[in-house]
Structures are given as structure tokens and as C-alpha cells.
Amino acid sequence: MQKSSEALAGSSAVGGRVAASESQAARQAENFARAQELGQIGWWRLDTALDVLTWSEENYRIFGAPCGAPQSYQTFLEHVHPDDRGAVDESWAAALAGAPYDIEHRIIANGAVKWVREKAVLEFDGKGVLLGAFGITQDITEQKRSSTRCNGACAGTNF
């Protein structure tokens, strides 16, 4: 009977550690989501073989797209402001050739123009074949508006 109690106590301790670990993982996921929301930074991953673009919930929010809606490189471009699509596509092509992908451009989100900064790291296999990319999108609309206001206010001032 004592061995049975010891085994039960041991399994209870293991169960408690597992529950605490799961609770900690859930808390970390919650903190990560909150940090993305506060920083207005979402993440994305592009699988080039499948042309599947996976977005974080914050990325969906930034782009004004329904959470979980299927994404691809083409659907991403459809969100980009028409006047910026060519430059964004050229920047992506340059990144495929080895240039850094760190750009600012406009998007249309829920009918409104927004500014975003995107930065990515491309992932290649051992033979140099592109596997995909991991990147971030940051909503910089307010920074752009503040900069425009400041530039307008400072236009006639000599410093």
C-alpha cells in the first residue's frame, strides 16, 4: 500500500509540473500576443514551395483581413497600395537575389491607407534553394503621420 501511495505522490508531482509547464506556456503565448498588439508588430512565414503565407493574429489585424483567411504572396500584394505594389515586388525580387528585405510601404486595410515596415530573413536549404521566409510587419502609420505634421510645422523654420 505504501508503494502505491508513493507512486501516486510521484505521479501527482509530475502531473503538477506538467500542468505548471502548460500554464507557463499559455502565459508566455498570451504575453507574446499582448506584446505584438502593443508594439503593433505581427509576424509572417512564407512557404515558397506551397505559396502559403501564414500570419499571426496581429498581422491579420494590421492588414484588416479576417483572421484565418488563406494568404499567399499574391493575396499579400493585393493588400499593398496599388502605387507601391511594383516597388514591393521589386524589393522582394532583390531579396531573392540576396539583398536585405527591409521596406516601408502603404497598404489598404479596411478601406484606409496605412503605412507598414516589413523586414524578413529568407531561408535557404544547403543547396541554396529558397525554402521560405520569416518576417515581421509593423504598423508605422502614426509615426508617418507625426513625421508629416512635424515636417509641415518645421517647413518655414531655420534651425
C-alpha atoms as a PDB file:
ATOM      1  CA  MET A   1       0.000   0.000   0.000  1.00  0.00           C
ATOM      2  CA  GLN A   2       2.880   2.341   0.830  1.00  0.00           C
ATOM      3  CA  LYS A   3       4.463   1.786  -2.598  1.00  0.00           C
ATOM      4  CA  SER A   4       1.124   2.588  -4.180  1.00  0.00           C
ATOM      5  CA  SER A   5       0.915   5.845  -2.194  1.00  0.00           C
ATOM      6  CA  GLU A   6       4.490   6.754  -3.122  1.00  0.00           C
ATOM      7  CA  ALA A   7       3.795   6.084  -6.797  1.00  0.00           C
ATOM      8  CA  LEU A   8       0.624   8.152  -6.614  1.00  0.00           C
ATOM      9  CA  ALA A   9       2.503  11.006  -4.922  1.00  0.00           C
ATOM     10  CA  GLY A  10       5.229  10.804  -7.590  1.00  0.00           C
ATOM     11  CA  SER A  11       2.767  10.859 -10.451  1.00  0.00           C
ATOM     12  CA  SER A  12       0.908  13.705  -8.781  1.00  0.00           C
ATOM     13  CA  ALA A  13       4.143  15.705  -8.600  1.00  0.00           C
ATOM     14  CA  VAL A  14       4.868  15.002 -12.271  1.00  0.00           C
ATOM     15  CA  GLY A  15       1.312  15.942 -13.170  1.00  0.00           C
ATOM     16  CA  GLY A  16       1.695  19.162 -11.214  1.00  0.00           C
ATOM     17  CA  ARG A  17       4.922  20.031 -13.068  1.00  0.00           C
ATOM     18  CA  VAL A  18       3.288  19.289 -16.418  1.00  0.00           C
ATOM     19  CA  ALA A  19       0.288  21.461 -15.524  1.00  0.00           C
ATOM     20  CA  ALA A  20       2.601  24.263 -14.356  1.00  0.00           C
ATOM     21  CA  SER A  21       4.625  23.967 -17.559  1.00  0.00           C
ATOM     22  CA  GLU A  22       1.461  24.096 -19.677  1.00  0.00           C
ATOM     23  CA  SER A  23       0.225  27.067 -17.670  1.00  0.00           C
ATOM     24  CA  GLN A  24       3.567  28.823 -18.160  1.00  0.00           C
ATOM     25  CA  ALA A  25       3.470  28.126 -21.919  1.00  0.00           C
ATOM     26  CA  ALA A  26      -0.073  29.512 -22.123  1.00  0.00           C
ATOM     27  CA  ARG A  27       1.012  32.610 -20.178  1.00  0.00           C
ATOM     28  CA  GLN A  28       4.002  33.114 -22.496  1.00  0.00           C
ATOM     29  CA  ALA A  29       1.760  32.827 -25.550  1.00  0.00           C
ATOM     30  CA  GLU A  30      -0.605  35.386 -24.002  1.00  0.00           C
ATOM     31  CA  ASN A  31       2.318  37.723 -23.248  1.00  0.00           C
ATOM     32  CA  PHE A  32       3.667  37.324 -26.792  1.00  0.00           C
ATOM     33  CA  ALA A  33       0.261  38.169 -28.285  1.00  0.00           C
ATOM     34  CA  ARG A  34      -0.029  41.194 -25.989  1.00  0.00           C
ATOM     35  CA  ALA A  35       3.479  42.382 -26.945  1.00  0.00           C
ATOM     36  CA  GLN A  36       2.574  42.114 -30.638  1.00  0.00           C
ATOM     37  CA  GLU A  37      -0.583  44.134 -30.069  1.00  0.00           C
ATOM     38  CA  LEU A  38       1.157  46.840 -28.028  1.00  0.00           C
ATOM     39  CA  GLY A  39       4.077  47.083 -30.443  1.00  0.00           C
ATOM     40  CA  GLN A  40       1.778  46.800 -33.462  1.00  0.00           C
ATOM     41  CA  ILE A  41       4.096  44.127 -34.830  1.00  0.00           C
ATOM     42  CA  GLY A  42       2.826  40.955 -36.434  1.00  0.00           C
ATOM     43  CA  TRP A  43       4.813  38.071 -37.858  1.00  0.00           C
ATOM     44  CA  TRP A  44       4.532  36.069 -41.026  1.00  0.00           C
ATOM     45  CA  ARG A  45       6.075  32.975 -42.587  1.00  0.00           C
ATOM     46  CA  LEU A  46       6.089  32.220 -46.309  1.00  0.00           C
ATOM     47  CA  ASP A  47       6.438  28.645 -47.538  1.00  0.00           C
ATOM     48  CA  THR A  48       7.588  29.237 -51.113  1.00  0.00           C
ATOM     49  CA  ALA A  49       7.111  25.633 -52.255  1.00  0.00           C
ATOM     50  CA  LEU A  50       3.419  25.747 -51.365  1.00  0.00           C
ATOM     51  CA  ASP A  51       2.967  29.530 -51.761  1.00  0.00           C
ATOM     52  CA  VAL A  52       1.338  29.584 -48.345  1.00  0.00           C
ATOM     53  CA  LEU A  53       1.691  32.681 -46.230  1.00  0.00           C
ATOM     54  CA  THR A  54       0.971  32.188 -42.528  1.00  0.00           C
ATOM     55  CA  TRP A  55       0.121  35.277 -40.491  1.00  0.00           C
ATOM     56  CA  SER A  56      -0.088  35.947 -36.768  1.00  0.00           C
ATOM     57  CA  GLU A  57      -3.351  37.348 -35.438  1.00  0.00           C
ATOM     58  CA  GLU A  58      -1.698  40.765 -35.183  1.00  0.00           C
ATOM     59  CA  ASN A  59      -0.679  40.633 -38.828  1.00  0.00           C
ATOM     60  CA  TYR A  60      -4.299  39.960 -39.786  1.00  0.00           C
ATOM     61  CA  ARG A  61      -5.331  42.939 -37.661  1.00  0.00           C
ATOM     62  CA  ILE A  62      -2.733  45.222 -39.242  1.00  0.00           C
ATOM     63  CA  PHE A  63      -3.876  44.280 -42.744  1.00  0.00           C
ATOM     64  CA  GLY A  64      -7.574  44.395 -41.833  1.00  0.00           C
ATOM     65  CA  ALA A  65      -8.072  40.850 -43.094  1.00  0.00           C
ATOM     66  CA  PRO A  66     -10.357  38.265 -41.498  1.00  0.00           C
ATOM     67  CA  CYS A  67      -8.342  36.156 -39.069  1.00  0.00           C
ATOM     68  CA  GLY A  68      -7.555  32.800 -40.612  1.00  0.00           C
ATOM     69  CA  ALA A  69      -8.283  33.867 -44.202  1.00  0.00           C
ATOM     70  CA  PRO A  70      -5.906  31.975 -46.521  1.00  0.00           C
ATOM     71  CA  GLN A  71      -2.914  34.045 -47.612  1.00  0.00           C
ATOM     72  CA  SER A  72      -0.307  33.760 -50.335  1.00  0.00           C
ATOM     73  CA  TYR A  73       2.250  36.132 -51.813  1.00  0.00           C
ATOM     74  CA  GLN A  74      -0.380  37.229 -54.349  1.00  0.00           C
ATOM     75  CA  THR A  75      -3.061  37.929 -51.726  1.00  0.00           C
ATOM     76  CA  PHE A  76      -0.452  39.894 -49.762  1.00  0.00           C
ATOM     77  CA  LEU A  77       0.240  42.045 -52.854  1.00  0.00           C
ATOM     78  CA  GLU A  78      -3.489  42.703 -53.172  1.00  0.00           C
ATOM     79  CA  HIS A  79      -3.354  44.405 -49.743  1.00  0.00           C
ATOM     80  CA  VAL A  80      -0.458  46.632 -50.839  1.00  0.00           C
ATOM     81  CA  HIS A  81      -1.386  50.119 -52.054  1.00  0.00           C
ATOM     82  CA  PRO A  82      -1.579  49.999 -55.880  1.00  0.00           C
ATOM     83  CA  ASP A  83       1.075  52.729 -56.200  1.00  0.00           C
ATOM     84  CA  ASP A  84       3.516  50.704 -54.047  1.00  0.00           C
ATOM     85  CA  ARG A  85       2.983  47.194 -55.472  1.00  0.00           C
ATOM     86  CA  GLY A  86       5.714  47.452 -58.081  1.00  0.00           C
ATOM     87  CA  ALA A  87       8.307  48.670 -55.576  1.00  0.00           C
ATOM     88  CA  VAL A  88       7.333  45.973 -53.055  1.00  0.00           C
ATOM     89  CA  ASP A  89       7.556  43.266 -55.706  1.00  0.00           C
ATOM     90  CA  GLU A  90      10.953  44.620 -56.841  1.00  0.00           C
ATOM     91  CA  SER A  91      12.202  44.627 -53.238  1.00  0.00           C
ATOM     92  CA  TRP A  92      11.109  41.006 -52.861  1.00  0.00           C
ATOM     93  CA  ALA A  93      12.873  40.043 -56.117  1.00  0.00           C
ATOM     94  CA  ALA A  94      16.020  41.812 -54.863  1.00  0.00           C
ATOM     95  CA  ALA A  95      15.780  39.895 -51.577  1.00  0.00           C
ATOM     96  CA  LEU A  96      15.612  36.638 -53.522  1.00  0.00           C
ATOM     97  CA  ALA A  97      18.918  37.687 -55.103  1.00  0.00           C
ATOM     98  CA  GLY A  98      20.485  38.357 -51.687  1.00  0.00           C
ATOM     99  CA  ALA A  99      19.536  41.952 -50.830  1.00  0.00           C
ATOM    100  CA  PRO A 100      18.079  42.699 -47.381  1.00  0.00           C
ATOM    101  CA  TYR A 101      14.282  42.821 -47.221  1.00  0.00           C
ATOM    102  CA  ASP A 102      13.587  45.847 -45.042  1.00  0.00           C
ATOM    103  CA  ILE A 103      10.996  48.123 -46.614  1.00  0.00           C
ATOM    104  CA  GLU A 104       8.300  50.663 -45.831  1.00  0.00           C
ATOM    105  CA  HIS A 105       5.156  50.852 -47.926  1.00  0.00           C
ATOM    106  CA  ARG A 106       1.462  51.585 -47.822  1.00  0.00           C
ATOM    107  CA  ILE A 107      -1.366  49.090 -47.549  1.00  0.00           C
ATOM    108  CA  ILE A 108      -5.125  49.377 -47.799  1.00  0.00           C
ATOM    109  CA  ALA A 109      -6.714  47.992 -44.641  1.00  0.00           C
ATOM    110  CA  ASN A 110     -10.492  48.185 -44.235  1.00  0.00           C
ATOM    111  CA  GLY A 111     -10.588  50.969 -46.835  1.00  0.00           C
ATOM    112  CA  ALA A 112      -7.964  53.107 -45.052  1.00  0.00           C
ATOM    113  CA  VAL A 113      -4.391  53.768 -46.123  1.00  0.00           C
ATOM    114  CA  LYS A 114      -1.826  52.606 -43.582  1.00  0.00           C
ATOM    115  CA  TRP A 115       1.967  52.528 -43.551  1.00  0.00           C
ATOM    116  CA  VAL A 116       3.912  49.405 -42.609  1.00  0.00           C
ATOM    117  CA  ARG A 117       7.526  48.419 -42.239  1.00  0.00           C
ATOM    118  CA  GLU A 118       8.384  44.887 -43.222  1.00  0.00           C
ATOM    119  CA  LYS A 119      11.588  43.051 -42.526  1.00  0.00           C
ATOM    120  CA  ALA A 120      12.375  39.432 -43.382  1.00  0.00           C
ATOM    121  CA  VAL A 121      15.012  36.749 -43.264  1.00  0.00           C
ATOM    122  CA  LEU A 122      14.994  34.365 -46.209  1.00  0.00           C
ATOM    123  CA  GLU A 123      15.591  30.684 -45.538  1.00  0.00           C
ATOM    124  CA  PHE A 124      17.594  28.519 -47.957  1.00  0.00           C
ATOM    125  CA  ASP A 125      18.480  24.823 -47.969  1.00  0.00           C
ATOM    126  CA  GLY A 126      22.060  23.548 -48.187  1.00  0.00           C
ATOM    127  CA  LYS A 127      22.000  23.852 -51.986  1.00  0.00           C
ATOM    128  CA  GLY A 128      20.896  27.486 -51.935  1.00  0.00           C
ATOM    129  CA  VAL A 129      17.274  26.756 -52.869  1.00  0.00           C
ATOM    130  CA  LEU A 130      14.795  29.130 -51.258  1.00  0.00           C
ATOM    131  CA  LEU A 131      12.569  27.360 -48.755  1.00  0.00           C
ATOM    132  CA  GLY A 132      10.716  30.388 -47.499  1.00  0.00           C
ATOM    133  CA  ALA A 133      10.973  33.442 -45.346  1.00  0.00           C
ATOM    134  CA  PHE A 134      10.153  34.639 -41.878  1.00  0.00           C
ATOM    135  CA  GLY A 135       9.361  38.266 -41.301  1.00  0.00           C
ATOM    136  CA  ILE A 136       7.610  40.946 -39.344  1.00  0.00           C
ATOM    137  CA  THR A 137       5.140  43.653 -40.236  1.00  0.00           C
ATOM    138  CA  GLN A 138       4.988  46.768 -38.076  1.00  0.00           C
ATOM    139  CA  ASP A 139       2.208  49.324 -38.372  1.00  0.00           C
ATOM    140  CA  ILE A 140       4.070  52.657 -38.618  1.00  0.00           C
ATOM    141  CA  THR A 141       1.085  54.784 -39.649  1.00  0.00           C
ATOM    142  CA  GLU A 142       1.197  57.012 -36.566  1.00  0.00           C
ATOM    143  CA  GLN A 143       4.950  57.589 -36.907  1.00  0.00           C
ATOM    144  CA  LYS A 144       4.467  58.614 -40.549  1.00  0.00           C
ATOM    145  CA  ARG A 145       1.628  60.982 -39.610  1.00  0.00           C
ATOM    146  CA  SER A 146       3.683  62.546 -36.814  1.00  0.00           C
ATOM    147  CA  SER A 147       6.642  62.966 -39.143  1.00  0.00           C
ATOM    148  CA  THR A 148       4.444  64.623 -41.773  1.00  0.00           C
ATOM    149  CA  ARG A 149       2.965  67.006 -39.179  1.00  0.00           C
ATOM    150  CA  CYS A 150       6.438  67.872 -37.880  1.00  0.00           C
ATOM    151  CA  ASN A 151       7.814  68.422 -41.376  1.00  0.00           C
ATOM    152  CA  GLY A 152       4.877  70.679 -42.194  1.00  0.00           C
ATOM    153  CA  ALA A 153       5.261  72.672 -38.975  1.00  0.00           C
ATOM    154  CA  CYS A 154       9.026  72.978 -39.378  1.00  0.00           C
ATOM    155  CA  ALA A 155       8.973  73.845 -43.095  1.00  0.00           C
ATOM    156  CA  GLY A 156       9.385  77.600 -42.571  1.00  0.00           C
ATOM    157  CA  THR A 157      11.723  77.371 -39.591  1.00  0.00           C
ATOM    158  CA  ASN A 158      15.505  77.776 -39.828  1.00  0.00           C
ATOM    159  CA  PHE A 159      17.444  75.685 -37.309  1.00  0.00           C
END
